[in-house]
Amino acid sequence: MAETIAGIGVPDSALAAEATELVRAAASPLLFHHSRRVFLFGSLQGRRLGLSADPELLYVGAMFHDLGLTETYRRTDQRFEIDGADEARRFLTAHGLPESAVRLVWEGIALHTTPEIPYRLEPEVALVTAGVETDVLGIGYRDLNPDDIAAVTAAHPRPDFKRQILAAFTEGFKDRPDTTFGTVNADVLEHFVPGFRHIDFVEVIQGSDWPA
């Protein structure tokens, strides 16, 4: 029987089960529980906003969105969001999903730290961001029923989450600082990596090879 949390059914297909085990094996408990909450909070925000996503695709997007912070899937030559998006593409393609579905999941993961834009795209994209924003930033927190929030956090607790997720971000970005250019991720390194200064967009323009 499918698990239901806060009135949200957690997908229990073979694909979803394999995704769950892949993330459970690769990620810390911090990231595993966070990823499950992203699915649940994204689904709850979708219900509030009138957005209906394919639950299985949203689940894979939510579960894979932070794989780029894990030792197994992280790289040092691209943004961490793309690490997770690329692994989701490989996973879904190997399971025979059509490119249209794969693209939705890839974009949901790749854009989950990009404000505004995901909400102009399909629900499978928008609701990964909605779930992340609720769990990490508290955006939309007060729009949800407190009983639903309590049910989600009872199933997937978040003790000391603010400090621990910032530490996970720092560890995930610190050896690829240039990939944080133009993203919110640079803020993390400026707070927690001594001597780091973000690449300045204005200085890039002023210092380019163009004479004027």
C-alpha atoms as a PDB file:
ATOM      1  CA  MET A   1       0.000   0.000   0.000  1.00  0.00           C
ATOM      2  CA  ALA A   2       1.308   3.451  -0.899  1.00  0.00           C
ATOM      3  CA  GLU A   3       2.422   5.628   1.995  1.00  0.00           C
ATOM      4  CA  THR A   4       0.362   8.776   2.601  1.00  0.00           C
ATOM      5  CA  ILE A   5       1.767  11.765   4.479  1.00  0.00           C
ATOM      6  CA  ALA A   6      -0.249  14.937   5.038  1.00  0.00           C
ATOM      7  CA  GLY A   7      -2.751  13.653   2.501  1.00  0.00           C
ATOM      8  CA  ILE A   8      -0.052  13.251  -0.162  1.00  0.00           C
ATOM      9  CA  GLY A   9       0.478   9.803  -1.624  1.00  0.00           C
ATOM     10  CA  VAL A  10       4.150   8.916  -1.970  1.00  0.00           C
ATOM     11  CA  PRO A  11       4.706   7.084  -5.280  1.00  0.00           C
ATOM     12  CA  ASP A  12       5.394   3.377  -4.761  1.00  0.00           C
ATOM     13  CA  SER A  13       6.065   2.252  -8.336  1.00  0.00           C
ATOM     14  CA  ALA A  14       9.158   0.213  -9.126  1.00  0.00           C
ATOM     15  CA  LEU A  15      10.751   3.341 -10.587  1.00  0.00           C
ATOM     16  CA  ALA A  16      10.051   5.387  -7.453  1.00  0.00           C
ATOM     17  CA  ALA A  17      11.291   2.603  -5.194  1.00  0.00           C
ATOM     18  CA  GLU A  18      14.548   2.357  -7.122  1.00  0.00           C
ATOM     19  CA  ALA A  19      14.969   6.135  -6.982  1.00  0.00           C
ATOM     20  CA  THR A  20      14.424   6.043  -3.226  1.00  0.00           C
ATOM     21  CA  GLU A  21      17.057   3.367  -2.720  1.00  0.00           C
ATOM     22  CA  LEU A  22      19.573   5.127  -4.986  1.00  0.00           C
ATOM     23  CA  VAL A  23      19.262   8.330  -2.966  1.00  0.00           C
ATOM     24  CA  ARG A  24      19.205   6.523   0.374  1.00  0.00           C
ATOM     25  CA  ALA A  25      22.481   4.793  -0.552  1.00  0.00           C
ATOM     26  CA  ALA A  26      24.219   7.931  -1.812  1.00  0.00           C
ATOM     27  CA  ALA A  27      22.960  10.683   0.468  1.00  0.00           C
ATOM     28  CA  SER A  28      23.309  11.446   4.140  1.00  0.00           C
ATOM     29  CA  PRO A  29      20.182  11.192   6.309  1.00  0.00           C
ATOM     30  CA  LEU A  30      20.092  15.000   6.220  1.00  0.00           C
ATOM     31  CA  LEU A  31      19.787  15.077   2.417  1.00  0.00           C
ATOM     32  CA  PHE A  32      17.531  12.030   2.204  1.00  0.00           C
ATOM     33  CA  HIS A  33      14.939  13.459   4.588  1.00  0.00           C
ATOM     34  CA  HIS A  34      15.242  16.893   2.984  1.00  0.00           C
ATOM     35  CA  SER A  35      14.586  15.409  -0.462  1.00  0.00           C
ATOM     36  CA  ARG A  36      11.503  13.571   0.746  1.00  0.00           C
ATOM     37  CA  ARG A  37      10.220  16.779   2.345  1.00  0.00           C
ATOM     38  CA  VAL A  38      10.797  18.615  -0.923  1.00  0.00           C
ATOM     39  CA  PHE A  39       8.443  16.186  -2.651  1.00  0.00           C
ATOM     40  CA  LEU A  40       5.833  16.512   0.092  1.00  0.00           C
ATOM     41  CA  PHE A  41       6.029  20.280   0.465  1.00  0.00           C
ATOM     42  CA  GLY A  42       6.120  20.704  -3.312  1.00  0.00           C
ATOM     43  CA  SER A  43       2.986  18.577  -3.592  1.00  0.00           C
ATOM     44  CA  LEU A  44       1.252  20.541  -0.833  1.00  0.00           C
ATOM     45  CA  GLN A  45       2.167  23.842  -2.473  1.00  0.00           C
ATOM     46  CA  GLY A  46       0.908  22.459  -5.782  1.00  0.00           C
ATOM     47  CA  ARG A  47      -2.407  21.599  -4.183  1.00  0.00           C
ATOM     48  CA  ARG A  48      -2.622  25.144  -2.798  1.00  0.00           C
ATOM     49  CA  LEU A  49      -1.656  26.760  -6.115  1.00  0.00           C
ATOM     50  CA  GLY A  50      -3.824  24.542  -8.293  1.00  0.00           C
ATOM     51  CA  LEU A  51      -0.821  22.936  -9.998  1.00  0.00           C
ATOM     52  CA  SER A  52      -1.038  19.236 -10.775  1.00  0.00           C
ATOM     53  CA  ALA A  53       2.214  17.415 -11.496  1.00  0.00           C
ATOM     54  CA  ASP A  54       2.860  13.811 -12.438  1.00  0.00           C
ATOM     55  CA  PRO A  55       3.655  12.440  -8.943  1.00  0.00           C
ATOM     56  CA  GLU A  56       6.313  10.021 -10.142  1.00  0.00           C
ATOM     57  CA  LEU A  57       8.211  12.659 -12.116  1.00  0.00           C
ATOM     58  CA  LEU A  58       7.957  15.159  -9.278  1.00  0.00           C
ATOM     59  CA  TYR A  59       9.179  12.498  -6.871  1.00  0.00           C
ATOM     60  CA  VAL A  60      12.278  11.715  -8.935  1.00  0.00           C
ATOM     61  CA  GLY A  61      12.998  15.424  -9.343  1.00  0.00           C
ATOM     62  CA  ALA A  62      12.722  16.014  -5.621  1.00  0.00           C
ATOM     63  CA  MET A  63      14.741  12.949  -4.659  1.00  0.00           C
ATOM     64  CA  PHE A  64      17.576  13.616  -7.114  1.00  0.00           C
ATOM     65  CA  HIS A  65      17.769  17.403  -6.712  1.00  0.00           C
ATOM     66  CA  ASP A  66      20.690  17.385  -4.242  1.00  0.00           C
ATOM     67  CA  LEU A  67      22.649  14.392  -5.538  1.00  0.00           C
ATOM     68  CA  GLY A  68      25.318  16.863  -6.639  1.00  0.00           C
ATOM     69  CA  LEU A  69      26.156  17.357  -2.968  1.00  0.00           C
ATOM     70  CA  THR A  70      26.992  13.667  -2.463  1.00  0.00           C
ATOM     71  CA  GLU A  71      30.387  12.040  -2.876  1.00  0.00           C
ATOM     72  CA  THR A  72      28.986   9.524  -5.360  1.00  0.00           C
ATOM     73  CA  TYR A  73      27.526  11.987  -7.846  1.00  0.00           C
ATOM     74  CA  ARG A  74      29.282  15.293  -7.289  1.00  0.00           C
ATOM     75  CA  ARG A  75      31.646  16.744  -9.881  1.00  0.00           C
ATOM     76  CA  THR A  76      33.909  19.778  -9.726  1.00  0.00           C
ATOM     77  CA  ASP A  77      33.486  21.194 -13.236  1.00  0.00           C
ATOM     78  CA  GLN A  78      29.821  22.232 -13.229  1.00  0.00           C
ATOM     79  CA  ARG A  79      27.053  23.532 -10.977  1.00  0.00           C
ATOM     80  CA  PHE A  80      25.871  21.013  -8.396  1.00  0.00           C
ATOM     81  CA  GLU A  81      22.313  21.311  -9.694  1.00  0.00           C
ATOM     82  CA  ILE A  82      23.446  19.924 -13.056  1.00  0.00           C
ATOM     83  CA  ASP A  83      25.082  16.930 -11.362  1.00  0.00           C
ATOM     84  CA  GLY A  84      21.708  15.818 -10.031  1.00  0.00           C
ATOM     85  CA  ALA A  85      19.878  16.721 -13.227  1.00  0.00           C
ATOM     86  CA  ASP A  86      22.300  14.699 -15.348  1.00  0.00           C
ATOM     87  CA  GLU A  87      21.985  11.669 -13.075  1.00  0.00           C
ATOM     88  CA  ALA A  88      18.202  11.908 -13.248  1.00  0.00           C
ATOM     89  CA  ARG A  89      18.445  11.976 -17.040  1.00  0.00           C
ATOM     90  CA  ARG A  90      20.593   8.856 -17.030  1.00  0.00           C
ATOM     91  CA  PHE A  91      18.289   7.089 -14.569  1.00  0.00           C
ATOM     92  CA  LEU A  92      15.055   7.906 -16.365  1.00  0.00           C
ATOM     93  CA  THR A  93      16.454   7.224 -19.825  1.00  0.00           C
ATOM     94  CA  ALA A  94      17.673   3.813 -18.644  1.00  0.00           C
ATOM     95  CA  HIS A  95      14.106   3.106 -17.529  1.00  0.00           C
ATOM     96  CA  GLY A  96      12.732   3.953 -20.959  1.00  0.00           C
ATOM     97  CA  LEU A  97      10.918   7.188 -20.137  1.00  0.00           C
ATOM     98  CA  PRO A  98      10.269   9.493 -23.103  1.00  0.00           C
ATOM     99  CA  GLU A  99      12.476  12.519 -23.615  1.00  0.00           C
ATOM    100  CA  SER A 100       9.584  14.865 -22.857  1.00  0.00           C
ATOM    101  CA  ALA A 101       9.328  13.424 -19.339  1.00  0.00           C
ATOM    102  CA  VAL A 102      13.085  13.326 -18.864  1.00  0.00           C
ATOM    103  CA  ARG A 103      13.337  16.989 -19.826  1.00  0.00           C
ATOM    104  CA  LEU A 104      10.801  18.020 -17.195  1.00  0.00           C
ATOM    105  CA  VAL A 105      12.730  16.294 -14.439  1.00  0.00           C
ATOM    106  CA  TRP A 106      16.071  17.617 -15.702  1.00  0.00           C
ATOM    107  CA  GLU A 107      14.776  21.195 -15.748  1.00  0.00           C
ATOM    108  CA  GLY A 108      13.117  20.844 -12.353  1.00  0.00           C
ATOM    109  CA  ILE A 109      16.444  19.887 -10.795  1.00  0.00           C
ATOM    110  CA  ALA A 110      18.686  22.197 -12.824  1.00  0.00           C
ATOM    111  CA  LEU A 111      16.544  25.253 -12.063  1.00  0.00           C
ATOM    112  CA  HIS A 112      15.681  24.611  -8.434  1.00  0.00           C
ATOM    113  CA  THR A 113      17.929  27.408  -7.140  1.00  0.00           C
ATOM    114  CA  THR A 114      16.816  29.885  -9.805  1.00  0.00           C
ATOM    115  CA  PRO A 115      14.099  32.243  -8.529  1.00  0.00           C
ATOM    116  CA  GLU A 116      10.887  32.903 -10.477  1.00  0.00           C
ATOM    117  CA  ILE A 117      11.603  31.097 -13.740  1.00  0.00           C
ATOM    118  CA  PRO A 118      10.453  27.587 -12.657  1.00  0.00           C
ATOM    119  CA  TYR A 119       7.001  28.934 -11.812  1.00  0.00           C
ATOM    120  CA  ARG A 120       6.541  29.896 -15.492  1.00  0.00           C
ATOM    121  CA  LEU A 121       7.195  26.302 -16.560  1.00  0.00           C
ATOM    122  CA  GLU A 122       5.387  22.994 -16.113  1.00  0.00           C
ATOM    123  CA  PRO A 123       4.228  21.863 -12.647  1.00  0.00           C
ATOM    124  CA  GLU A 124       6.886  19.129 -12.534  1.00  0.00           C
ATOM    125  CA  VAL A 125       9.475  21.904 -12.783  1.00  0.00           C
ATOM    126  CA  ALA A 126       7.754  24.508 -10.623  1.00  0.00           C
ATOM    127  CA  LEU A 127       6.985  22.239  -7.699  1.00  0.00           C
ATOM    128  CA  VAL A 128      10.534  21.026  -7.135  1.00  0.00           C
ATOM    129  CA  THR A 129      11.445  24.667  -6.582  1.00  0.00           C
ATOM    130  CA  ALA A 130       8.356  25.199  -4.434  1.00  0.00           C
ATOM    131  CA  GLY A 131       9.339  22.299  -2.210  1.00  0.00           C
ATOM    132  CA  VAL A 132      12.927  23.479  -1.906  1.00  0.00           C
ATOM    133  CA  GLU A 133      11.865  27.037  -1.155  1.00  0.00           C
ATOM    134  CA  THR A 134       9.493  25.873   1.565  1.00  0.00           C
ATOM    135  CA  ASP A 135      11.952  23.538   3.279  1.00  0.00           C
ATOM    136  CA  VAL A 136      15.133  25.617   2.970  1.00  0.00           C
ATOM    137  CA  LEU A 137      13.955  29.234   2.831  1.00  0.00           C
ATOM    138  CA  GLY A 138      10.574  29.063   4.520  1.00  0.00           C
ATOM    139  CA  ILE A 139       8.882  30.598   1.462  1.00  0.00           C
ATOM    140  CA  GLY A 140       5.233  29.564   1.559  1.00  0.00           C
ATOM    141  CA  TYR A 141       5.601  28.094   5.061  1.00  0.00           C
ATOM    142  CA  ARG A 142       2.766  30.170   6.480  1.00  0.00           C
ATOM    143  CA  ASP A 143       0.557  29.293   3.515  1.00  0.00           C
ATOM    144  CA  LEU A 144       0.435  25.638   4.529  1.00  0.00           C
ATOM    145  CA  ASN A 145      -1.777  24.035   7.149  1.00  0.00           C
ATOM    146  CA  PRO A 146       0.245  23.622  10.383  1.00  0.00           C
ATOM    147  CA  ASP A 147      -1.110  20.085  10.740  1.00  0.00           C
ATOM    148  CA  ASP A 148       0.301  19.201   7.323  1.00  0.00           C
ATOM    149  CA  ILE A 149       3.686  20.662   8.223  1.00  0.00           C
ATOM    150  CA  ALA A 150       3.665  18.679  11.458  1.00  0.00           C
ATOM    151  CA  ALA A 151       2.835  15.463   9.594  1.00  0.00           C
ATOM    152  CA  VAL A 152       5.661  15.987   7.105  1.00  0.00           C
ATOM    153  CA  THR A 153       8.249  16.794   9.744  1.00  0.00           C
ATOM    154  CA  ALA A 154       7.115  13.887  11.916  1.00  0.00           C
ATOM    155  CA  ALA A 155       7.782  11.521   9.028  1.00  0.00           C
ATOM    156  CA  HIS A 156      10.977  13.290   7.977  1.00  0.00           C
ATOM    157  CA  PRO A 157      12.418  15.307  10.869  1.00  0.00           C
ATOM    158  CA  ARG A 158      14.648  18.350  10.383  1.00  0.00           C
ATOM    159  CA  PRO A 159      16.680  18.711  13.611  1.00  0.00           C
ATOM    160  CA  ASP A 160      19.314  21.471  13.419  1.00  0.00           C
ATOM    161  CA  PHE A 161      18.459  21.665   9.725  1.00  0.00           C
ATOM    162  CA  LYS A 162      19.473  25.274   9.033  1.00  0.00           C
ATOM    163  CA  ARG A 163      23.023  24.764  10.259  1.00  0.00           C
ATOM    164  CA  GLN A 164      23.428  21.314   8.742  1.00  0.00           C
ATOM    165  CA  ILE A 165      22.137  22.182   5.267  1.00  0.00           C
ATOM    166  CA  LEU A 166      24.424  25.214   5.106  1.00  0.00           C
ATOM    167  CA  ALA A 167      27.342  22.958   6.041  1.00  0.00           C
ATOM    168  CA  ALA A 168      26.330  20.499   3.302  1.00  0.00           C
ATOM    169  CA  PHE A 169      26.136  23.319   0.771  1.00  0.00           C
ATOM    170  CA  THR A 170      29.560  24.612   1.789  1.00  0.00           C
ATOM    171  CA  GLU A 171      31.108  21.174   1.448  1.00  0.00           C
ATOM    172  CA  GLY A 172      29.419  20.697  -1.919  1.00  0.00           C
ATOM    173  CA  PHE A 173      30.587  23.971  -3.462  1.00  0.00           C
ATOM    174  CA  LYS A 174      33.931  24.814  -1.885  1.00  0.00           C
ATOM    175  CA  ASP A 175      36.085  22.930  -4.391  1.00  0.00           C
ATOM    176  CA  ARG A 176      34.251  24.384  -7.419  1.00  0.00           C
ATOM    177  CA  PRO A 177      33.806  28.018  -6.432  1.00  0.00           C
ATOM    178  CA  ASP A 178      33.692  29.375  -9.983  1.00  0.00           C
ATOM    179  CA  THR A 179      30.530  27.355 -10.664  1.00  0.00           C
ATOM    180  CA  THR A 180      28.671  29.556  -8.180  1.00  0.00           C
ATOM    181  CA  PHE A 181      29.007  32.630 -10.440  1.00  0.00           C
ATOM    182  CA  GLY A 182      25.631  34.286 -10.816  1.00  0.00           C
ATOM    183  CA  THR A 183      23.892  31.961  -8.355  1.00  0.00           C
ATOM    184  CA  VAL A 184      22.691  32.070  -4.761  1.00  0.00           C
ATOM    185  CA  ASN A 185      25.340  29.460  -3.996  1.00  0.00           C
ATOM    186  CA  ALA A 186      28.040  32.142  -3.923  1.00  0.00           C
ATOM    187  CA  ASP A 187      26.424  33.546  -0.778  1.00  0.00           C
ATOM    188  CA  VAL A 188      27.153  30.293   1.041  1.00  0.00           C
ATOM    189  CA  LEU A 189      30.846  30.399   0.237  1.00  0.00           C
ATOM    190  CA  GLU A 190      31.123  34.077   1.185  1.00  0.00           C
ATOM    191  CA  HIS A 191      29.748  33.243   4.617  1.00  0.00           C
ATOM    192  CA  PHE A 192      31.694  30.054   5.333  1.00  0.00           C
ATOM    193  CA  VAL A 193      34.895  29.923   3.224  1.00  0.00           C
ATOM    194  CA  PRO A 194      37.531  32.392   4.419  1.00  0.00           C
ATOM    195  CA  GLY A 195      38.846  34.612   1.646  1.00  0.00           C
ATOM    196  CA  PHE A 196      36.198  33.702  -0.905  1.00  0.00           C
ATOM    197  CA  ARG A 197      34.814  36.588  -2.932  1.00  0.00           C
ATOM    198  CA  HIS A 198      32.177  36.009  -5.574  1.00  0.00           C
ATOM    199  CA  ILE A 199      32.957  36.726  -9.217  1.00  0.00           C
ATOM    200  CA  ASP A 200      31.654  40.225  -9.802  1.00  0.00           C
ATOM    201  CA  PHE A 201      29.501  40.591 -12.922  1.00  0.00           C
ATOM    202  CA  VAL A 202      30.364  44.270 -13.312  1.00  0.00           C
ATOM    203  CA  GLU A 203      34.085  43.541 -13.073  1.00  0.00           C
ATOM    204  CA  VAL A 204      33.751  40.800 -15.689  1.00  0.00           C
ATOM    205  CA  ILE A 205      32.221  43.316 -18.111  1.00  0.00           C
ATOM    206  CA  GLN A 206      34.722  46.050 -17.304  1.00  0.00           C
ATOM    207  CA  GLY A 207      37.671  43.688 -17.578  1.00  0.00           C
ATOM    208  CA  SER A 208      36.650  41.912 -20.768  1.00  0.00           C
ATOM    209  CA  ASP A 209      38.792  41.933 -23.911  1.00  0.00           C
ATOM    210  CA  TRP A 210      36.574  44.553 -25.563  1.00  0.00           C
ATOM    211  CA  PRO A 211      38.358  47.936 -25.770  1.00  0.00           C
ATOM    212  CA  ALA A 212      35.219  49.850 -24.765  1.00  0.00           C
END
